[in-house]
Each structure stands twice: as C-alpha cells, then as structure tokens.
mmCIF file of all heavy atoms, coordinates in Angstrom:
data_MODEL
# 
_entry.id   MODEL 
# 
loop_
_atom_site.group_PDB 
_atom_site.id 
_atom_site.type_symbol 
_atom_site.label_atom_id 
_atom_site.label_alt_id 
_atom_site.label_comp_id 
_atom_site.label_asym_id 
_atom_site.label_entity_id 
_atom_site.label_seq_id 
_atom_site.pdbx_PDB_ins_code 
_atom_site.Cartn_x 
_atom_site.Cartn_y 
_atom_site.Cartn_z 
_atom_site.occupancy 
_atom_site.B_iso_or_equiv 
_atom_site.pdbx_formal_charge 
_atom_site.auth_seq_id 
_atom_site.auth_comp_id 
_atom_site.auth_asym_id 
_atom_site.auth_atom_id 
_atom_site.pdbx_PDB_model_num 
ATOM 1   N N   . LYS A 1 1  ? -45.999 -24.942 5.721  1.00 0.00 ? 1  LYS A N   1 
ATOM 2   C CA  . LYS A 1 1  ? -45.071 -23.990 6.373  1.00 0.00 ? 1  LYS A CA  1 
ATOM 3   C C   . LYS A 1 1  ? -43.656 -24.557 6.493  1.00 0.00 ? 1  LYS A C   1 
ATOM 4   O O   . LYS A 1 1  ? -42.686 -23.895 6.184  1.00 0.00 ? 1  LYS A O   1 
ATOM 5   C CB  . LYS A 1 1  ? -45.651 -23.653 7.767  1.00 0.00 ? 1  LYS A CB  1 
ATOM 6   C CG  . LYS A 1 1  ? -44.814 -22.719 8.578  1.00 0.00 ? 1  LYS A CG  1 
ATOM 7   C CD  . LYS A 1 1  ? -45.544 -22.380 9.886  1.00 0.00 ? 1  LYS A CD  1 
ATOM 8   C CE  . LYS A 1 1  ? -44.693 -21.458 10.745 1.00 0.00 ? 1  LYS A CE  1 
ATOM 9   N NZ  . LYS A 1 1  ? -45.403 -21.129 12.017 1.00 0.00 ? 1  LYS A NZ  1 
ATOM 10  N N   . MET A 1 2  ? -43.563 -25.808 6.996  1.00 0.00 ? 2  MET A N   1 
ATOM 11  C CA  . MET A 1 2  ? -42.237 -26.402 7.233  1.00 0.00 ? 2  MET A CA  1 
ATOM 12  C C   . MET A 1 2  ? -41.440 -26.511 5.940  1.00 0.00 ? 2  MET A C   1 
ATOM 13  O O   . MET A 1 2  ? -40.246 -26.139 5.886  1.00 0.00 ? 2  MET A O   1 
ATOM 14  C CB  . MET A 1 2  ? -42.382 -27.770 7.888  1.00 0.00 ? 2  MET A CB  1 
ATOM 15  C CG  . MET A 1 2  ? -42.978 -27.718 9.274  1.00 0.00 ? 2  MET A CG  1 
ATOM 16  S SD  . MET A 1 2  ? -42.083 -26.606 10.411 1.00 0.00 ? 2  MET A SD  1 
ATOM 17  C CE  . MET A 1 2  ? -40.491 -27.431 10.491 1.00 0.00 ? 2  MET A CE  1 
ATOM 18  N N   . GLY A 1 3  ? -42.079 -26.963 4.855  1.00 0.00 ? 3  GLY A N   1 
ATOM 19  C CA  . GLY A 1 3  ? -41.398 -27.090 3.579  1.00 0.00 ? 3  GLY A CA  1 
ATOM 20  C C   . GLY A 1 3  ? -40.989 -25.761 3.033  1.00 0.00 ? 3  GLY A C   1 
ATOM 21  O O   . GLY A 1 3  ? -39.877 -25.573 2.503  1.00 0.00 ? 3  GLY A O   1 
ATOM 22  N N   . PHE A 1 4  ? -41.846 -24.740 3.197  1.00 0.00 ? 4  PHE A N   1 
ATOM 23  C CA  . PHE A 1 4  ? -41.590 -23.399 2.724  1.00 0.00 ? 4  PHE A CA  1 
ATOM 24  C C   . PHE A 1 4  ? -40.373 -22.819 3.444  1.00 0.00 ? 4  PHE A C   1 
ATOM 25  O O   . PHE A 1 4  ? -39.475 -22.240 2.821  1.00 0.00 ? 4  PHE A O   1 
ATOM 26  C CB  . PHE A 1 4  ? -42.810 -22.532 2.925  1.00 0.00 ? 4  PHE A CB  1 
ATOM 27  C CG  . PHE A 1 4  ? -42.574 -21.058 2.686  1.00 0.00 ? 4  PHE A CG  1 
ATOM 28  C CD1 . PHE A 1 4  ? -42.483 -20.558 1.400  1.00 0.00 ? 4  PHE A CD1 1 
ATOM 29  C CD2 . PHE A 1 4  ? -42.400 -20.192 3.756  1.00 0.00 ? 4  PHE A CD2 1 
ATOM 30  C CE1 . PHE A 1 4  ? -42.254 -19.197 1.174  1.00 0.00 ? 4  PHE A CE1 1 
ATOM 31  C CE2 . PHE A 1 4  ? -42.198 -18.835 3.525  1.00 0.00 ? 4  PHE A CE2 1 
ATOM 32  C CZ  . PHE A 1 4  ? -42.132 -18.342 2.231  1.00 0.00 ? 4  PHE A CZ  1 
ATOM 33  N N   . LEU A 1 5  ? -40.323 -22.968 4.775  1.00 0.00 ? 5  LEU A N   1 
ATOM 34  C CA  . LEU A 1 5  ? -39.233 -22.389 5.563  1.00 0.00 ? 5  LEU A CA  1 
ATOM 35  C C   . LEU A 1 5  ? -37.926 -23.089 5.264  1.00 0.00 ? 5  LEU A C   1 
ATOM 36  O O   . LEU A 1 5  ? -36.851 -22.496 5.207  1.00 0.00 ? 5  LEU A O   1 
ATOM 37  C CB  . LEU A 1 5  ? -39.564 -22.422 7.044  1.00 0.00 ? 5  LEU A CB  1 
ATOM 38  C CG  . LEU A 1 5  ? -40.720 -21.502 7.489  1.00 0.00 ? 5  LEU A CG  1 
ATOM 39  C CD1 . LEU A 1 5  ? -40.995 -21.666 8.958  1.00 0.00 ? 5  LEU A CD1 1 
ATOM 40  C CD2 . LEU A 1 5  ? -40.427 -20.075 7.135  1.00 0.00 ? 5  LEU A CD2 1 
ATOM 41  N N   . LYS A 1 6  ? -37.972 -24.443 5.072  1.00 0.00 ? 6  LYS A N   1 
ATOM 42  C CA  . LYS A 1 6  ? -36.750 -25.193 4.775  1.00 0.00 ? 6  LYS A CA  1 
ATOM 43  C C   . LYS A 1 6  ? -36.218 -24.744 3.399  1.00 0.00 ? 6  LYS A C   1 
ATOM 44  O O   . LYS A 1 6  ? -34.983 -24.561 3.227  1.00 0.00 ? 6  LYS A O   1 
ATOM 45  C CB  . LYS A 1 6  ? -37.029 -26.675 4.761  1.00 0.00 ? 6  LYS A CB  1 
ATOM 46  C CG  . LYS A 1 6  ? -35.761 -27.521 4.513  1.00 0.00 ? 6  LYS A CG  1 
ATOM 47  C CD  . LYS A 1 6  ? -36.068 -28.997 4.521  1.00 0.00 ? 6  LYS A CD  1 
ATOM 48  C CE  . LYS A 1 6  ? -34.761 -29.813 4.408  1.00 0.00 ? 6  LYS A CE  1 
ATOM 49  N NZ  . LYS A 1 6  ? -33.967 -29.444 3.232  1.00 0.00 ? 6  LYS A NZ  1 
ATOM 50  N N   . GLU A 1 7  ? -37.094 -24.595 2.463  1.00 0.00 ? 7  GLU A N   1 
ATOM 51  C CA  . GLU A 1 7  ? -36.655 -24.115 1.130  1.00 0.00 ? 7  GLU A CA  1 
ATOM 52  C C   . GLU A 1 7  ? -36.061 -22.716 1.215  1.00 0.00 ? 7  GLU A C   1 
ATOM 53  O O   . GLU A 1 7  ? -35.032 -22.443 0.547  1.00 0.00 ? 7  GLU A O   1 
ATOM 54  C CB  . GLU A 1 7  ? -37.863 -24.118 0.172  1.00 0.00 ? 7  GLU A CB  1 
ATOM 55  C CG  . GLU A 1 7  ? -37.514 -23.719 -1.239 1.00 0.00 ? 7  GLU A CG  1 
ATOM 56  C CD  . GLU A 1 7  ? -38.718 -23.747 -2.167 1.00 0.00 ? 7  GLU A CD  1 
ATOM 57  O OE1 . GLU A 1 7  ? -39.767 -24.311 -1.755 1.00 0.00 ? 7  GLU A OE1 1 
ATOM 58  O OE2 . GLU A 1 7  ? -38.623 -23.217 -3.275 1.00 0.00 ? 7  GLU A OE2 1 
ATOM 59  N N   . LEU A 1 8  ? -36.639 -21.862 2.044  1.00 0.00 ? 8  LEU A N   1 
ATOM 60  C CA  . LEU A 1 8  ? -36.101 -20.522 2.222  1.00 0.00 ? 8  LEU A CA  1 
ATOM 61  C C   . LEU A 1 8  ? -34.689 -20.561 2.805  1.00 0.00 ? 8  LEU A C   1 
ATOM 62  O O   . LEU A 1 8  ? -33.766 -19.902 2.318  1.00 0.00 ? 8  LEU A O   1 
ATOM 63  C CB  . LEU A 1 8  ? -37.034 -19.728 3.157  1.00 0.00 ? 8  LEU A CB  1 
ATOM 64  C CG  . LEU A 1 8  ? -36.506 -18.379 3.638  1.00 0.00 ? 8  LEU A CG  1 
ATOM 65  C CD1 . LEU A 1 8  ? -36.411 -17.393 2.482  1.00 0.00 ? 8  LEU A CD1 1 
ATOM 66  C CD2 . LEU A 1 8  ? -37.402 -17.823 4.766  1.00 0.00 ? 8  LEU A CD2 1 
ATOM 67  N N   . GLU A 1 9  ? -34.505 -21.406 3.864  1.00 0.00 ? 9  GLU A N   1 
ATOM 68  C CA  . GLU A 1 9  ? -33.211 -21.466 4.498  1.00 0.00 ? 9  GLU A CA  1 
ATOM 69  C C   . GLU A 1 9  ? -32.146 -22.061 3.542  1.00 0.00 ? 9  GLU A C   1 
ATOM 70  O O   . GLU A 1 9  ? -31.014 -21.564 3.474  1.00 0.00 ? 9  GLU A O   1 
ATOM 71  C CB  . GLU A 1 9  ? -33.325 -22.361 5.745  1.00 0.00 ? 9  GLU A CB  1 
ATOM 72  C CG  . GLU A 1 9  ? -34.122 -21.748 6.846  1.00 0.00 ? 9  GLU A CG  1 
ATOM 73  C CD  . GLU A 1 9  ? -34.309 -22.685 8.035  1.00 0.00 ? 9  GLU A CD  1 
ATOM 74  O OE1 . GLU A 1 9  ? -33.851 -23.834 7.928  1.00 0.00 ? 9  GLU A OE1 1 
ATOM 75  O OE2 . GLU A 1 9  ? -34.972 -22.272 9.021  1.00 0.00 ? 9  GLU A OE2 1 
ATOM 76  N N   . ASP A 1 10 ? -32.532 -23.112 2.792  1.00 0.00 ? 10 ASP A N   1 
ATOM 77  C CA  . ASP A 1 10 ? -31.591 -23.712 1.859  1.00 0.00 ? 10 ASP A CA  1 
ATOM 78  C C   . ASP A 1 10 ? -31.194 -22.732 0.763  1.00 0.00 ? 10 ASP A C   1 
ATOM 79  O O   . ASP A 1 10 ? -30.045 -22.652 0.350  1.00 0.00 ? 10 ASP A O   1 
ATOM 80  C CB  . ASP A 1 10 ? -32.210 -24.977 1.227  1.00 0.00 ? 10 ASP A CB  1 
ATOM 81  C CG  . ASP A 1 10 ? -32.328 -26.131 2.245  1.00 0.00 ? 10 ASP A CG  1 
ATOM 82  O OD1 . ASP A 1 10 ? -31.681 -26.049 3.299  1.00 0.00 ? 10 ASP A OD1 1 
ATOM 83  O OD2 . ASP A 1 10 ? -33.107 -27.043 1.962  1.00 0.00 ? 10 ASP A OD2 1 
ATOM 84  N N   . ASP A 1 11 ? -32.168 -21.946 0.297  1.00 0.00 ? 11 ASP A N   1 
ATOM 85  C CA  . ASP A 1 11 ? -31.919 -20.979 -0.757 1.00 0.00 ? 11 ASP A CA  1 
ATOM 86  C C   . ASP A 1 11 ? -30.990 -19.868 -0.257 1.00 0.00 ? 11 ASP A C   1 
ATOM 87  O O   . ASP A 1 11 ? -30.054 -19.465 -0.968 1.00 0.00 ? 11 ASP A O   1 
ATOM 88  C CB  . ASP A 1 11 ? -33.224 -20.400 -1.245 1.00 0.00 ? 11 ASP A CB  1 
ATOM 89  C CG  . ASP A 1 11 ? -33.059 -19.453 -2.433 1.00 0.00 ? 11 ASP A CG  1 
ATOM 90  O OD1 . ASP A 1 11 ? -32.492 -19.904 -3.447 1.00 0.00 ? 11 ASP A OD1 1 
ATOM 91  O OD2 . ASP A 1 11 ? -33.437 -18.292 -2.342 1.00 0.00 ? 11 ASP A OD2 1 
ATOM 92  N N   . LEU A 1 12 ? -31.246 -19.392 0.973  1.00 0.00 ? 12 LEU A N   1 
ATOM 93  C CA  . LEU A 1 12 ? -30.365 -18.379 1.551  1.00 0.00 ? 12 LEU A CA  1 
ATOM 94  C C   . LEU A 1 12 ? -28.938 -18.903 1.694  1.00 0.00 ? 12 LEU A C   1 
ATOM 95  O O   . LEU A 1 12 ? -27.963 -18.169 1.408  1.00 0.00 ? 12 LEU A O   1 
ATOM 96  C CB  . LEU A 1 12 ? -30.901 -17.956 2.949  1.00 0.00 ? 12 LEU A CB  1 
ATOM 97  C CG  . LEU A 1 12 ? -32.077 -17.020 2.971  1.00 0.00 ? 12 LEU A CG  1 
ATOM 98  C CD1 . LEU A 1 12 ? -32.595 -16.854 4.412  1.00 0.00 ? 12 LEU A CD1 1 
ATOM 99  C CD2 . LEU A 1 12 ? -31.738 -15.651 2.394  1.00 0.00 ? 12 LEU A CD2 1 
ATOM 100 N N   . TYR A 1 13 ? -28.812 -20.146 2.142  1.00 0.00 ? 13 TYR A N   1 
ATOM 101 C CA  . TYR A 1 13 ? -27.494 -20.739 2.341  1.00 0.00 ? 13 TYR A CA  1 
ATOM 102 C C   . TYR A 1 13 ? -26.755 -20.837 1.011  1.00 0.00 ? 13 TYR A C   1 
ATOM 103 O O   . TYR A 1 13 ? -25.591 -20.405 0.895  1.00 0.00 ? 13 TYR A O   1 
ATOM 104 C CB  . TYR A 1 13 ? -27.682 -22.138 2.944  1.00 0.00 ? 13 TYR A CB  1 
ATOM 105 C CG  . TYR A 1 13 ? -26.394 -22.887 3.155  1.00 0.00 ? 13 TYR A CG  1 
ATOM 106 C CD1 . TYR A 1 13 ? -25.672 -22.768 4.348  1.00 0.00 ? 13 TYR A CD1 1 
ATOM 107 C CD2 . TYR A 1 13 ? -25.878 -23.719 2.166  1.00 0.00 ? 13 TYR A CD2 1 
ATOM 108 C CE1 . TYR A 1 13 ? -24.486 -23.464 4.535  1.00 0.00 ? 13 TYR A CE1 1 
ATOM 109 C CE2 . TYR A 1 13 ? -24.697 -24.428 2.344  1.00 0.00 ? 13 TYR A CE2 1 
ATOM 110 C CZ  . TYR A 1 13 ? -24.025 -24.305 3.548  1.00 0.00 ? 13 TYR A CZ  1 
ATOM 111 O OH  . TYR A 1 13 ? -22.831 -24.974 3.727  1.00 0.00 ? 13 TYR A OH  1 
ATOM 112 N N   . ASP A 1 14 ? -27.415 -21.403 0.002  1.00 0.00 ? 14 ASP A N   1 
ATOM 113 C CA  . ASP A 1 14 ? -26.731 -21.589 -1.296 1.00 0.00 ? 14 ASP A CA  1 
ATOM 114 C C   . ASP A 1 14 ? -26.319 -20.241 -1.914 1.00 0.00 ? 14 ASP A C   1 
ATOM 115 O O   . ASP A 1 14 ? -25.175 -20.155 -2.427 1.00 0.00 ? 14 ASP A O   1 
ATOM 116 C CB  . ASP A 1 14 ? -27.693 -22.322 -2.263 1.00 0.00 ? 14 ASP A CB  1 
ATOM 117 C CG  . ASP A 1 14 ? -27.934 -23.773 -1.829 1.00 0.00 ? 14 ASP A CG  1 
ATOM 118 O OD1 . ASP A 1 14 ? -27.132 -24.288 -1.064 1.00 0.00 ? 14 ASP A OD1 1 
ATOM 119 O OD2 . ASP A 1 14 ? -28.958 -24.353 -2.273 1.00 0.00 ? 14 ASP A OD2 1 
ATOM 120 N N   . LYS A 1 15 ? -27.168 -19.251 -1.865 1.00 0.00 ? 15 LYS A N   1 
ATOM 121 C CA  . LYS A 1 15 ? -26.847 -17.949 -2.440 1.00 0.00 ? 15 LYS A CA  1 
ATOM 122 C C   . LYS A 1 15 ? -25.717 -17.272 -1.685 1.00 0.00 ? 15 LYS A C   1 
ATOM 123 O O   . LYS A 1 15 ? -24.858 -16.621 -2.288 1.00 0.00 ? 15 LYS A O   1 
ATOM 124 C CB  . LYS A 1 15 ? -28.092 -17.059 -2.497 1.00 0.00 ? 15 LYS A CB  1 
ATOM 125 C CG  . LYS A 1 15 ? -29.097 -17.493 -3.521 1.00 0.00 ? 15 LYS A CG  1 
ATOM 126 C CD  . LYS A 1 15 ? -30.314 -16.556 -3.589 1.00 0.00 ? 15 LYS A CD  1 
ATOM 127 C CE  . LYS A 1 15 ? -31.257 -16.974 -4.671 1.00 0.00 ? 15 LYS A CE  1 
ATOM 128 N NZ  . LYS A 1 15 ? -32.454 -16.101 -4.719 1.00 0.00 ? 15 LYS A NZ  1 
ATOM 129 N N   . ALA A 1 16 ? -25.729 -17.396 -0.347 1.00 0.00 ? 16 ALA A N   1 
ATOM 130 C CA  . ALA A 1 16 ? -24.699 -16.742 0.469  1.00 0.00 ? 16 ALA A CA  1 
ATOM 131 C C   . ALA A 1 16 ? -23.323 -17.384 0.196  1.00 0.00 ? 16 ALA A C   1 
ATOM 132 O O   . ALA A 1 16 ? -22.310 -16.695 0.070  1.00 0.00 ? 16 ALA A O   1 
ATOM 133 C CB  . ALA A 1 16 ? -25.032 -16.870 1.940  1.00 0.00 ? 16 ALA A CB  1 
ATOM 134 N N   . VAL A 1 17 ? -23.281 -18.704 0.031  1.00 0.00 ? 17 VAL A N   1 
ATOM 135 C CA  . VAL A 1 17 ? -22.058 -19.399 -0.275 1.00 0.00 ? 17 VAL A CA  1 
ATOM 136 C C   . VAL A 1 17 ? -21.559 -18.992 -1.671 1.00 0.00 ? 17 VAL A C   1 
ATOM 137 O O   . VAL A 1 17 ? -20.384 -18.697 -1.905 1.00 0.00 ? 17 VAL A O   1 
ATOM 138 C CB  . VAL A 1 17 ? -22.221 -20.923 -0.178 1.00 0.00 ? 17 VAL A CB  1 
ATOM 139 C CG1 . VAL A 1 17 ? -20.980 -21.636 -0.742 1.00 0.00 ? 17 VAL A CG1 1 
ATOM 140 C CG2 . VAL A 1 17 ? -22.500 -21.322 1.261  1.00 0.00 ? 17 VAL A CG2 1 
ATOM 141 N N   . GLU A 1 18 ? -22.492 -18.970 -2.593 1.00 0.00 ? 18 GLU A N   1 
ATOM 142 C CA  . GLU A 1 18 ? -22.171 -18.617 -3.999 1.00 0.00 ? 18 GLU A CA  1 
ATOM 143 C C   . GLU A 1 18 ? -21.595 -17.204 -4.102 1.00 0.00 ? 18 GLU A C   1 
ATOM 144 O O   . GLU A 1 18 ? -20.667 -16.947 -4.867 1.00 0.00 ? 18 GLU A O   1 
ATOM 145 C CB  . GLU A 1 18 ? -23.412 -18.762 -4.864 1.00 0.00 ? 18 GLU A CB  1 
ATOM 146 C CG  . GLU A 1 18 ? -23.184 -18.475 -6.324 1.00 0.00 ? 18 GLU A CG  1 
ATOM 147 C CD  . GLU A 1 18 ? -24.456 -18.594 -7.135 1.00 0.00 ? 18 GLU A CD  1 
ATOM 148 O OE1 . GLU A 1 18 ? -25.429 -19.201 -6.669 1.00 0.00 ? 18 GLU A OE1 1 
ATOM 149 O OE2 . GLU A 1 18 ? -24.494 -18.048 -8.243 1.00 0.00 ? 18 GLU A OE2 1 
ATOM 150 N N   . LYS A 1 19 ? -22.109 -16.270 -3.305 1.00 0.00 ? 19 LYS A N   1 
ATOM 151 C CA  . LYS A 1 19 ? -21.679 -14.880 -3.377 1.00 0.00 ? 19 LYS A CA  1 
ATOM 152 C C   . LYS A 1 19 ? -20.464 -14.604 -2.493 1.00 0.00 ? 19 LYS A C   1 
ATOM 153 O O   . LYS A 1 19 ? -19.968 -13.458 -2.439 1.00 0.00 ? 19 LYS A O   1 
ATOM 154 C CB  . LYS A 1 19 ? -22.836 -13.945 -2.972 1.00 0.00 ? 19 LYS A CB  1 
ATOM 155 C CG  . LYS A 1 19 ? -23.972 -13.951 -3.927 1.00 0.00 ? 19 LYS A CG  1 
ATOM 156 C CD  . LYS A 1 19 ? -25.097 -13.033 -3.444 1.00 0.00 ? 19 LYS A CD  1 
ATOM 157 C CE  . LYS A 1 19 ? -26.267 -13.004 -4.404 1.00 0.00 ? 19 LYS A CE  1 
ATOM 158 N NZ  . LYS A 1 19 ? -27.358 -12.127 -3.904 1.00 0.00 ? 19 LYS A NZ  1 
ATOM 159 N N   . GLY A 1 20 ? -20.008 -15.598 -1.804 1.00 0.00 ? 20 GLY A N   1 
ATOM 160 C CA  . GLY A 1 20 ? -18.846 -15.413 -0.945 1.00 0.00 ? 20 GLY A CA  1 
ATOM 161 C C   . GLY A 1 20 ? -19.139 -14.757 0.367  1.00 0.00 ? 20 GLY A C   1 
ATOM 162 O O   . GLY A 1 20 ? -18.234 -14.253 1.065  1.00 0.00 ? 20 GLY A O   1 
ATOM 163 N N   . GLN A 1 21 ? -20.406 -14.704 0.755  1.00 0.00 ? 21 GLN A N   1 
ATOM 164 C CA  . GLN A 1 21 ? -20.775 -14.100 2.041  1.00 0.00 ? 21 GLN A CA  1 
ATOM 165 C C   . GLN A 1 21 ? -20.443 -14.988 3.217  1.00 0.00 ? 21 GLN A C   1 
ATOM 166 O O   . GLN A 1 21 ? -20.398 -14.553 4.343  1.00 0.00 ? 21 GLN A O   1 
ATOM 167 C CB  . GLN A 1 21 ? -22.291 -13.757 2.044  1.00 0.00 ? 21 GLN A CB  1 
ATOM 168 C CG  . GLN A 1 21 ? -22.679 -12.703 1.017  1.00 0.00 ? 21 GLN A CG  1 
ATOM 169 C CD  . GLN A 1 21 ? -24.184 -12.543 0.919  1.00 0.00 ? 21 GLN A CD  1 
ATOM 170 O OE1 . GLN A 1 21 ? -24.929 -13.445 1.131  1.00 0.00 ? 21 GLN A OE1 1 
ATOM 171 N NE2 . GLN A 1 21 ? -24.620 -11.304 0.607  1.00 0.00 ? 21 GLN A NE2 1 
ATOM 172 N N   . VAL A 1 22 ? -20.231 -16.274 2.895  1.00 0.00 ? 22 VAL A N   1 
ATOM 173 C CA  . VAL A 1 22 ? -19.884 -17.251 3.934  1.00 0.00 ? 22 VAL A CA  1 
ATOM 174 C C   . VAL A 1 22 ? -18.453 -17.756 3.659  1.00 0.00 ? 22 VAL A C   1 
ATOM 175 O O   . VAL A 1 22 ? -18.139 -18.091 2.513  1.00 0.00 ? 22 VAL A O   1 
ATOM 176 C CB  . VAL A 1 22 ? -20.862 -18.445 3.955  1.00 0.00 ? 22 VAL A CB  1 
ATOM 177 C CG1 . VAL A 1 22 ? -20.433 -19.439 5.001  1.00 0.00 ? 22 VAL A CG1 1 
ATOM 178 C CG2 . VAL A 1 22 ? -22.307 -17.976 4.178  1.00 0.00 ? 22 VAL A CG2 1 
ATOM 179 N N   . LYS A 1 23 ? -17.615 -17.734 4.650  1.00 0.00 ? 23 LYS A N   1 
ATOM 180 C CA  . LYS A 1 23 ? -16.260 -18.221 4.475  1.00 0.00 ? 23 LYS A CA  1 
ATOM 181 C C   . LYS A 1 23 ? -16.012 -19.376 5.434  1.00 0.00 ? 23 LYS A C   1 
ATOM 182 O O   . LYS A 1 23 ? -16.410 -19.324 6.602  1.00 0.00 ? 23 LYS A O   1 
ATOM 183 C CB  . LYS A 1 23 ? -15.272 -17.114 4.743  1.00 0.00 ? 23 LYS A CB  1 
ATOM 184 C CG  . LYS A 1 23 ? -15.429 -15.916 3.775  1.00 0.00 ? 23 LYS A CG  1 
ATOM 185 C CD  . LYS A 1 23 ? -14.313 -14.894 3.950  1.00 0.00 ? 23 LYS A CD  1 
ATOM 186 C CE  . LYS A 1 23 ? -14.488 -13.714 3.043  1.00 0.00 ? 23 LYS A CE  1 
ATOM 187 N NZ  . LYS A 1 23 ? -14.537 -14.076 1.610  1.00 0.00 ? 23 LYS A NZ  1 
ATOM 188 N N   . PHE A 1 24 ? -15.406 -20.439 4.919  1.00 0.00 ? 24 PHE A N   1 
ATOM 189 C CA  . PHE A 1 24 ? -15.058 -21.609 5.723  1.00 0.00 ? 24 PHE A CA  1 
ATOM 190 C C   . PHE A 1 24 ? -13.548 -21.601 5.991  1.00 0.00 ? 24 PHE A C   1 
ATOM 191 O O   . PHE A 1 24 ? -12.744 -21.318 5.086  1.00 0.00 ? 24 PHE A O   1 
ATOM 192 C CB  . PHE A 1 24 ? -15.484 -22.888 4.975  1.00 0.00 ? 24 PHE A CB  1 
ATOM 193 C CG  . PHE A 1 24 ? -16.925 -22.964 4.679  1.00 0.00 ? 24 PHE A CG  1 
ATOM 194 C CD1 . PHE A 1 24 ? -17.455 -22.588 3.452  1.00 0.00 ? 24 PHE A CD1 1 
ATOM 195 C CD2 . PHE A 1 24 ? -17.809 -23.471 5.658  1.00 0.00 ? 24 PHE A CD2 1 
ATOM 196 C CE1 . PHE A 1 24 ? -18.776 -22.687 3.161  1.00 0.00 ? 24 PHE A CE1 1 
ATOM 197 C CE2 . PHE A 1 24 ? -19.164 -23.548 5.380  1.00 0.00 ? 24 PHE A CE2 1 
ATOM 198 C CZ  . PHE A 1 24 ? -19.651 -23.161 4.172  1.00 0.00 ? 24 PHE A CZ  1 
ATOM 199 N N   . TYR A 1 25 ? -13.156 -21.915 7.183  1.00 0.00 ? 25 TYR A N   1 
ATOM 200 C CA  . TYR A 1 25 ? -11.754 -21.943 7.551  1.00 0.00 ? 25 TYR A CA  1 
ATOM 201 C C   . TYR A 1 25 ? -11.395 -23.368 8.029  1.00 0.00 ? 25 TYR A C   1 
ATOM 202 O O   . TYR A 1 25 ? -11.917 -23.857 9.024  1.00 0.00 ? 25 TYR A O   1 
ATOM 203 C CB  . TYR A 1 25 ? -11.457 -20.939 8.658  1.00 0.00 ? 25 TYR A CB  1 
ATOM 204 C CG  . TYR A 1 25 ? -11.757 -19.529 8.218  1.00 0.00 ? 25 TYR A CG  1 
ATOM 205 C CD1 . TYR A 1 25 ? -12.993 -18.948 8.512  1.00 0.00 ? 25 TYR A CD1 1 
ATOM 206 C CD2 . TYR A 1 25 ? -10.815 -18.772 7.537  1.00 0.00 ? 25 TYR A CD2 1 
ATOM 207 C CE1 . TYR A 1 25 ? -13.300 -17.653 8.120  1.00 0.00 ? 25 TYR A CE1 1 
ATOM 208 C CE2 . TYR A 1 25 ? -11.102 -17.487 7.116  1.00 0.00 ? 25 TYR A CE2 1 
ATOM 209 C CZ  . TYR A 1 25 ? -12.330 -16.919 7.420  1.00 0.00 ? 25 TYR A CZ  1 
ATOM 210 O OH  . TYR A 1 25 ? -12.628 -15.636 7.026  1.00 0.00 ? 25 TYR A OH  1 
ATOM 211 N N   . THR A 1 26 ? -10.586 -24.004 7.237  1.00 0.00 ? 26 THR A N   1 
ATOM 212 C CA  . THR A 1 26 ? -10.151 -25.382 7.592  1.00 0.00 ? 26 THR A CA  1 
ATOM 213 C C   . THR A 1 26 ? -8.643  -25.428 7.592  1.00 0.00 ? 26 THR A C   1 
ATOM 214 O O   . THR A 1 26 ? -7.947  -24.611 6.983  1.00 0.00 ? 26 THR A O   1 
ATOM 215 C CB  . THR A 1 26 ? -10.691 -26.396 6.548  1.00 0.00 ? 26 THR A CB  1 
ATOM 216 O OG1 . THR A 1 26 ? -10.213 -26.043 5.236  1.00 0.00 ? 26 THR A OG1 1 
ATOM 217 C CG2 . THR A 1 26 ? -12.208 -26.390 6.568  1.00 0.00 ? 26 THR A CG2 1 
# 
C-alpha cells in the first residue's frame, strides 16, 4: 500500500508539473 500510494503521488506531481498545472513563483 505505502509504495503504491507514494508512486501515485509522485506520478501525479510529475505529470502536473509537466502539463503546467503547477506554477512556482520565486
């Protein structure tokens, strides 16, 4: 379960960044 959920979260993060759904302001 823990590995599956971590992989899910990492995959969501990477795809959201790649598609521009996440914006960073520095």
